[in-house]
Amino acid sequence: MSSPIPVGRRVGFDYGEKRIGVATSDQESILVSPHATIKNDNELPKKIDEILAQVQPLYVVIGNPKHLSGMDSKTSQDVFGFASLVRNFFDGPIYLVDERLSTQISYAQMRQTGKTERESKPVIDQIAAVNILETAILNEKANGAIGSIF
């Protein structure tokens, strides 16, 4: 049985070299929805600031693509850099959530809805962000660690 958790929205990011998926929860964290896919370009700081100002989350989660062995991957270093960027705009808790295979799982979910990989491309990062944020919220409701604190 899940425990009550603080009321307030949460934000999840699926970091990618070219695109970053964003998902948000409702106030009660019952529903997690795709929010946006943003380009990882020179406008990224402005976009992060706008999203955080709009949502005003209790906390932020960012997927950390570890190796299957559990060790940090090369991309993990980029995620740490992205988390540092988010820190410039957000003083609350930032958690890194293990997201091994999240993109593959997201593609499988899209295939189940009848979408091809090509048709899924525009939203796949958002779906991965939804999966990352849902994992964090389930951990929180189970009184477990939301993720590793950044």
C-alpha atoms as a PDB file:
ATOM      1  CA  MET A   1       0.000   0.000   0.000  1.00  0.00           C
ATOM      2  CA  SER A   2       1.339   3.405  -0.910  1.00  0.00           C
ATOM      3  CA  SER A   3       1.792   6.156   1.645  1.00  0.00           C
ATOM      4  CA  PRO A   4       0.504   9.687   1.157  1.00  0.00           C
ATOM      5  CA  ILE A   5       3.117  11.959  -0.339  1.00  0.00           C
ATOM      6  CA  PRO A   6       3.342  15.755  -0.273  1.00  0.00           C
ATOM      7  CA  VAL A   7       0.980  17.551  -2.621  1.00  0.00           C
ATOM      8  CA  GLY A   8       2.772  19.332  -5.447  1.00  0.00           C
ATOM      9  CA  ARG A   9       3.951  18.789  -8.953  1.00  0.00           C
ATOM     10  CA  ARG A  10       7.112  16.972  -9.987  1.00  0.00           C
ATOM     11  CA  VAL A  11       9.184  17.210 -13.186  1.00  0.00           C
ATOM     12  CA  GLY A  12      11.125  14.464 -14.937  1.00  0.00           C
ATOM     13  CA  PHE A  13      13.749  14.856 -17.652  1.00  0.00           C
ATOM     14  CA  ASP A  14      15.085  12.273 -20.097  1.00  0.00           C
ATOM     15  CA  TYR A  15      18.398  13.805 -21.159  1.00  0.00           C
ATOM     16  CA  GLY A  16      19.646  13.262 -24.681  1.00  0.00           C
ATOM     17  CA  GLU A  17      22.472  14.678 -26.728  1.00  0.00           C
ATOM     18  CA  LYS A  18      20.029  16.173 -29.257  1.00  0.00           C
ATOM     19  CA  ARG A  19      16.666  16.194 -27.457  1.00  0.00           C
ATOM     20  CA  ILE A  20      15.415  16.204 -23.885  1.00  0.00           C
ATOM     21  CA  GLY A  21      12.060  14.741 -22.958  1.00  0.00           C
ATOM     22  CA  VAL A  22      10.059  16.422 -20.213  1.00  0.00           C
ATOM     23  CA  ALA A  23       7.211  14.966 -18.148  1.00  0.00           C
ATOM     24  CA  THR A  24       5.187  16.463 -15.312  1.00  0.00           C
ATOM     25  CA  SER A  25       2.872  15.158 -12.639  1.00  0.00           C
ATOM     26  CA  ASP A  26      -0.382  16.605 -11.420  1.00  0.00           C
ATOM     27  CA  GLN A  27      -0.568  18.094  -7.892  1.00  0.00           C
ATOM     28  CA  GLU A  28      -1.455  14.741  -6.299  1.00  0.00           C
ATOM     29  CA  SER A  29       1.067  12.778  -8.380  1.00  0.00           C
ATOM     30  CA  ILE A  30      -1.659  10.442  -9.594  1.00  0.00           C
ATOM     31  CA  LEU A  31      -1.126  11.232 -13.264  1.00  0.00           C
ATOM     32  CA  VAL A  32       2.182  11.734 -15.057  1.00  0.00           C
ATOM     33  CA  SER A  33       1.929  13.295 -18.506  1.00  0.00           C
ATOM     34  CA  PRO A  34       4.274  14.127 -21.355  1.00  0.00           C
ATOM     35  CA  HIS A  35       5.065  17.842 -21.210  1.00  0.00           C
ATOM     36  CA  ALA A  36       7.494  18.659 -24.031  1.00  0.00           C
ATOM     37  CA  THR A  37      10.484  17.628 -26.072  1.00  0.00           C
ATOM     38  CA  ILE A  38      13.077  20.370 -26.096  1.00  0.00           C
ATOM     39  CA  LYS A  39      16.152  20.679 -28.255  1.00  0.00           C
ATOM     40  CA  ASN A  40      19.497  20.443 -26.532  1.00  0.00           C
ATOM     41  CA  ASP A  41      20.837  23.666 -28.012  1.00  0.00           C
ATOM     42  CA  ASN A  42      21.902  27.179 -27.018  1.00  0.00           C
ATOM     43  CA  GLU A  43      18.334  27.973 -25.896  1.00  0.00           C
ATOM     44  CA  LEU A  44      18.330  25.111 -23.365  1.00  0.00           C
ATOM     45  CA  PRO A  45      18.933  27.247 -20.239  1.00  0.00           C
ATOM     46  CA  LYS A  46      16.026  29.537 -21.144  1.00  0.00           C
ATOM     47  CA  LYS A  47      13.736  26.552 -21.809  1.00  0.00           C
ATOM     48  CA  ILE A  48      14.666  24.880 -18.506  1.00  0.00           C
ATOM     49  CA  ASP A  49      14.009  28.116 -16.623  1.00  0.00           C
ATOM     50  CA  GLU A  50      10.600  28.528 -18.321  1.00  0.00           C
ATOM     51  CA  ILE A  51       9.509  24.964 -17.562  1.00  0.00           C
ATOM     52  CA  LEU A  52      10.558  25.150 -13.917  1.00  0.00           C
ATOM     53  CA  ALA A  53       8.891  28.562 -13.466  1.00  0.00           C
ATOM     54  CA  GLN A  54       5.677  27.264 -15.026  1.00  0.00           C
ATOM     55  CA  VAL A  55       5.504  23.956 -13.133  1.00  0.00           C
ATOM     56  CA  GLN A  56       7.076  25.003  -9.796  1.00  0.00           C
ATOM     57  CA  PRO A  57       7.927  21.401  -8.847  1.00  0.00           C
ATOM     58  CA  LEU A  58       8.622  19.989  -5.407  1.00  0.00           C
ATOM     59  CA  TYR A  59      11.543  18.143  -6.947  1.00  0.00           C
ATOM     60  CA  VAL A  60      13.175  17.291 -10.274  1.00  0.00           C
ATOM     61  CA  VAL A  61      14.214  13.846 -11.471  1.00  0.00           C
ATOM     62  CA  ILE A  62      16.659  13.214 -14.275  1.00  0.00           C
ATOM     63  CA  GLY A  63      17.255   9.832 -15.840  1.00  0.00           C
ATOM     64  CA  ASN A  64      20.762   8.447 -15.405  1.00  0.00           C
ATOM     65  CA  PRO A  65      21.540   5.920 -18.153  1.00  0.00           C
ATOM     66  CA  LYS A  66      23.730   3.500 -16.232  1.00  0.00           C
ATOM     67  CA  HIS A  67      25.330   0.444 -17.730  1.00  0.00           C
ATOM     68  CA  LEU A  68      23.544  -2.855 -17.142  1.00  0.00           C
ATOM     69  CA  SER A  69      26.255  -3.563 -14.545  1.00  0.00           C
ATOM     70  CA  GLY A  70      24.986  -0.580 -12.525  1.00  0.00           C
ATOM     71  CA  MET A  71      28.054   1.556 -13.193  1.00  0.00           C
ATOM     72  CA  ASP A  72      27.713   5.077 -14.563  1.00  0.00           C
ATOM     73  CA  SER A  73      27.933   5.290 -18.355  1.00  0.00           C
ATOM     74  CA  LYS A  74      29.746   7.803 -20.528  1.00  0.00           C
ATOM     75  CA  THR A  75      26.409   9.571 -20.971  1.00  0.00           C
ATOM     76  CA  SER A  76      26.067   9.768 -17.170  1.00  0.00           C
ATOM     77  CA  GLN A  77      28.755  12.470 -17.230  1.00  0.00           C
ATOM     78  CA  ASP A  78      26.594  14.512 -19.617  1.00  0.00           C
ATOM     79  CA  VAL A  79      23.607  13.961 -17.302  1.00  0.00           C
ATOM     80  CA  PHE A  80      25.635  15.329 -14.371  1.00  0.00           C
ATOM     81  CA  GLY A  81      26.373  18.423 -16.468  1.00  0.00           C
ATOM     82  CA  PHE A  82      22.679  18.765 -17.291  1.00  0.00           C
ATOM     83  CA  ALA A  83      21.791  18.409 -13.586  1.00  0.00           C
ATOM     84  CA  SER A  84      24.249  21.233 -12.837  1.00  0.00           C
ATOM     85  CA  LEU A  85      22.465  23.386 -15.419  1.00  0.00           C
ATOM     86  CA  VAL A  86      19.093  22.617 -13.801  1.00  0.00           C
ATOM     87  CA  ARG A  87      20.608  23.538 -10.410  1.00  0.00           C
ATOM     88  CA  ASN A  88      21.120  27.089 -11.749  1.00  0.00           C
ATOM     89  CA  PHE A  89      17.327  27.479 -11.921  1.00  0.00           C
ATOM     90  CA  PHE A  90      16.086  25.193  -9.141  1.00  0.00           C
ATOM     91  CA  ASP A  91      17.011  25.173  -5.459  1.00  0.00           C
ATOM     92  CA  GLY A  92      14.956  22.109  -4.500  1.00  0.00           C
ATOM     93  CA  PRO A  93      15.949  18.460  -4.569  1.00  0.00           C
ATOM     94  CA  ILE A  94      17.276  17.020  -7.823  1.00  0.00           C
ATOM     95  CA  TYR A  95      17.342  13.239  -8.030  1.00  0.00           C
ATOM     96  CA  LEU A  96      19.097  11.024 -10.539  1.00  0.00           C
ATOM     97  CA  VAL A  97      16.980   7.969 -11.340  1.00  0.00           C
ATOM     98  CA  ASP A  98      18.409   4.823 -12.892  1.00  0.00           C
ATOM     99  CA  GLU A  99      16.908   4.672 -16.370  1.00  0.00           C
ATOM    100  CA  ARG A 100      18.554   1.612 -17.856  1.00  0.00           C
ATOM    101  CA  LEU A 101      16.632   0.587 -20.969  1.00  0.00           C
ATOM    102  CA  SER A 102      13.989   3.340 -20.564  1.00  0.00           C
ATOM    103  CA  THR A 103      14.108   4.368 -24.221  1.00  0.00           C
ATOM    104  CA  GLN A 104      13.825   0.748 -25.396  1.00  0.00           C
ATOM    105  CA  ILE A 105      10.884   0.217 -23.040  1.00  0.00           C
ATOM    106  CA  SER A 106       9.296   3.401 -24.377  1.00  0.00           C
ATOM    107  CA  TYR A 107       9.641   2.184 -27.973  1.00  0.00           C
ATOM    108  CA  ALA A 108       8.069  -1.134 -26.952  1.00  0.00           C
ATOM    109  CA  GLN A 109       5.152   0.752 -25.389  1.00  0.00           C
ATOM    110  CA  MET A 110       4.676   2.740 -28.582  1.00  0.00           C
ATOM    111  CA  ARG A 111       4.787  -0.461 -30.691  1.00  0.00           C
ATOM    112  CA  GLN A 112       1.986  -1.846 -28.528  1.00  0.00           C
ATOM    113  CA  THR A 113      -0.125   1.141 -29.584  1.00  0.00           C
ATOM    114  CA  GLY A 114       0.595   0.371 -33.242  1.00  0.00           C
ATOM    115  CA  LYS A 115       3.217   3.093 -33.804  1.00  0.00           C
ATOM    116  CA  THR A 116       6.412   2.398 -35.705  1.00  0.00           C
ATOM    117  CA  GLU A 117       9.783   3.569 -34.422  1.00  0.00           C
ATOM    118  CA  ARG A 118       9.712   6.348 -37.009  1.00  0.00           C
ATOM    119  CA  GLU A 119       6.231   7.472 -35.930  1.00  0.00           C
ATOM    120  CA  SER A 120       7.334   7.376 -32.293  1.00  0.00           C
ATOM    121  CA  LYS A 121      10.450   9.519 -32.749  1.00  0.00           C
ATOM    122  CA  PRO A 122       8.783  12.916 -32.024  1.00  0.00           C
ATOM    123  CA  VAL A 123       7.412  11.775 -28.634  1.00  0.00           C
ATOM    124  CA  ILE A 124       9.732   8.973 -27.516  1.00  0.00           C
ATOM    125  CA  ASP A 125      11.790  11.265 -25.275  1.00  0.00           C
ATOM    126  CA  GLN A 126       8.616  12.433 -23.539  1.00  0.00           C
ATOM    127  CA  ILE A 127       7.470   8.839 -23.000  1.00  0.00           C
ATOM    128  CA  ALA A 128      10.885   7.988 -21.523  1.00  0.00           C
ATOM    129  CA  ALA A 129      10.582  11.040 -19.220  1.00  0.00           C
ATOM    130  CA  VAL A 130       7.130   9.810 -18.136  1.00  0.00           C
ATOM    131  CA  ASN A 131       8.609   6.396 -17.270  1.00  0.00           C
ATOM    132  CA  ILE A 132      11.457   8.013 -15.296  1.00  0.00           C
ATOM    133  CA  LEU A 133       9.096  10.270 -13.341  1.00  0.00           C
ATOM    134  CA  GLU A 134       6.640   7.427 -12.680  1.00  0.00           C
ATOM    135  CA  THR A 135       9.491   5.335 -11.258  1.00  0.00           C
ATOM    136  CA  ALA A 136      10.481   8.179  -8.928  1.00  0.00           C
ATOM    137  CA  ILE A 137       6.901   8.696  -7.723  1.00  0.00           C
ATOM    138  CA  LEU A 138       6.394   4.966  -7.128  1.00  0.00           C
ATOM    139  CA  ASN A 139       9.614   4.933  -5.090  1.00  0.00           C
ATOM    140  CA  GLU A 140       8.400   7.953  -3.131  1.00  0.00           C
ATOM    141  CA  LYS A 141       4.994   6.385  -2.442  1.00  0.00           C
ATOM    142  CA  ALA A 142       6.706   3.202  -1.226  1.00  0.00           C
ATOM    143  CA  ASN A 143       8.776   5.312   1.184  1.00  0.00           C
ATOM    144  CA  GLY A 144      11.889   4.300  -0.742  1.00  0.00           C
ATOM    145  CA  ALA A 145      14.668   6.416  -2.144  1.00  0.00           C
ATOM    146  CA  ILE A 146      13.309   8.566  -4.968  1.00  0.00           C
ATOM    147  CA  GLY A 147      16.693   8.363  -6.645  1.00  0.00           C
ATOM    148  CA  SER A 148      20.229   9.356  -5.794  1.00  0.00           C
ATOM    149  CA  ILE A 149      20.388  12.986  -4.709  1.00  0.00           C
ATOM    150  CA  PHE A 150      22.428  15.265  -6.933  1.00  0.00           C
END
